[in-house]
Every structure is written in structure tokens, then in C-alpha cells.
Amino acid sequence: MHLTPRLAAMLSVPPLLWAGNAVVGRLAINSISPLALNAARWALALALLLPLGWRAFAQARRRAEILQRWPHLALLSLTGVGAYNALQYLALRTSTPLNVTLIAASSPVWMLAIGALWHGERPRRNQLVGAGLSLLGVAVVLARGSPAALLRVQLVSGDLLMLLAVMSWCVYSWMLARPPASMRPPQRPDWHWSEFLCIQIALGLVWASAGAGVEAWLQPSTQALRWTPTLIAALLYVGIFPSLIAYRLWGLGVAQAGPAVAAFFGNLTPLFAALLSAGLLGEWPQPFHGLAFALIVAGIVVSARPPATGLRR
């Protein structure tokens, strides 16, 4: 795989939009509960995408194609649309956008682990070193700059929820890159990209709505919905940019670069989140965040080194 400027740009835009999602989500949960925000986000995204992807549901043949592949599609929508975003919004209740995105920088570790265990993808040495540096950066965040805190395993609930979200996202990315035979040519239906994304969002909305319903049932007084200009603007942002544009670009980038390489680009999200948090929330980075940034950037640089010519596959 040759990392062209176009491919690098394609993989850099989603982290910027997802950083905005973390910051805007932190603002939005002051007016709406996390799981209701997740369901509203995907309902809006589906409504906007339907004019392009409606053919996926319009014909009996198309619906039959979806039903034949529903186990794979249901899991894909759960990990990428339903669980990941719900867990992230829940994490923002007790964690900050900067911490959430820094913890997401551990994704290369889980990407490499899943690839090795389930897909037989042996990681290169520089990928392992880069993943280790990224994980060390995450450890700095979790310890809040104090190594002794790691010994006491002092994690807030939002940090743990975000770790679960990251694992969910890694499963989703590998499912995109290594689909079953029924989702590869010549068996794969001739879905337009908008139809495929529409299917994911529609099924993901089922998961998201179920989660919001359970949340409302278990915690009816958690938070009443308060319509404000800020909430409306937040819903428009999360429904368009991190949902439609970022998912489309990420799907293209993962298909071309592979999940392991793409995961390191995800490490740009904390940098974008730090800048946005400082400007919009007044949550300025602490010294330990700077150390974490340095470790994560070092992980990107090391992992991006091409393999020696004799080791190319």
C-alpha cells in the first residue's frame, strides 16, 4: 500500500470531524441525554441520506439481499453506528473531549490485536513499536500524569466506557476491510456507496433507538429534553459531518490503506480535540496532555515508516 497525499487527506478529515463530535457532544448533553442524542443523530443522518440511498429498500430484490446478509449487517451497524457512538456520548458525562479522544488513540493496539487473532495479519515491528508508544500516551492520560495512579487503577467511568467504544470501532473497521464472501465480489450486491451507508445507518438507528428507550425506562428523570439553539446546531453538526462525511471517507480510506494503517491516522483526533476544546469549552490542555501528544505523534511517525524492500508482502 502506497500512502498517497490524497489517501492521507482522506484519512485525516474523519479525525477532525470526530474531534468536533466529541466537543459538540459534550455541549449537547447539557440539553439531551447521551443515548437520546445518539438516536437523534442517526435519525437526522438517515433522513439526509435517504434521497441518495432509498433504492436499498425500494425493491423486493434489494430487501431480500439485505435479509440474506442481516447477521453481518446487524453486527456491522451495532459496532460502528450503535455501540461506538452511544458509549462515546456516555463517556463524555464523566470524561472530557480531550481525554476521550486521547483514549481513542489506543485503537492501533486493538486493531493490530484483532488483525492478528482473527485475520492472520502479522504486525510489523514498527507497527508494534508505534502501537506501544500510543498505548503509553493513553496510560499517561489515564494516570493524569501521575504513574502512581496507574498502580491504583484510578479510572473514571467515562474512561472505561471510551475503551469499550474503541474496541467496538476496531471490530467495525476490520469488518469493513475483511467482509465475508457474501459481501465481496462477485456475491456482493451492486449497492451504491450511499445505499450501503444507508443500510448501516438504518440498522444502527434500530440499535440506537433501543438504547435510548432502555435509558428512558431505567432513568426517566435523567435529563429532560431542552430545545435550544445550541442543541439544534449540535444536532445538525453531528448528523451531517461526523456521521455522513466522516463515515464515507473512513470507509474509503480503510478499504485502501487497511485498518491497521488507518488506525494511526485516528490518533490525530486528540490534537484536533485539544484545539477545539480550548476554543469552545475553555478546557485547556494540562502538561501531562503534552506528554501524551508527544508519545502519540511518535507512534504515528514510527508506524508510518515503510517496511524494508525485502520484507514487503
Foldseek 3Di string as FASTA:
>chain_A
DDCDPVLLVLLQQLLLLVLVLQQLLLVQCVFPPLLVLLLLLLVLLLVVLCVPQVVCPPDPVSVVLCVVVVVLLLLLLCLARAQLSSLSSVLSVPDHSLLLLLLLLLLLVLLQVCCCPPPVDHDDPLSVLLSVLSVVLNVLSQQVNDPVSVVVSDGDPSSVSSNVSSNSVSVSLVCLQDPDPCCDPPNNPPGDPSNSLSSSSVSNSVSSVVVVVVCCVVCVVPHHRDDDPSNVVSSVSSNPRSRPSSVSSSSVSCNPPNSSLSSLSSSCNSVSSQVCCCVPVVPHDDPSNVVSNVSSVVSNVSSPDDDDPVPDD
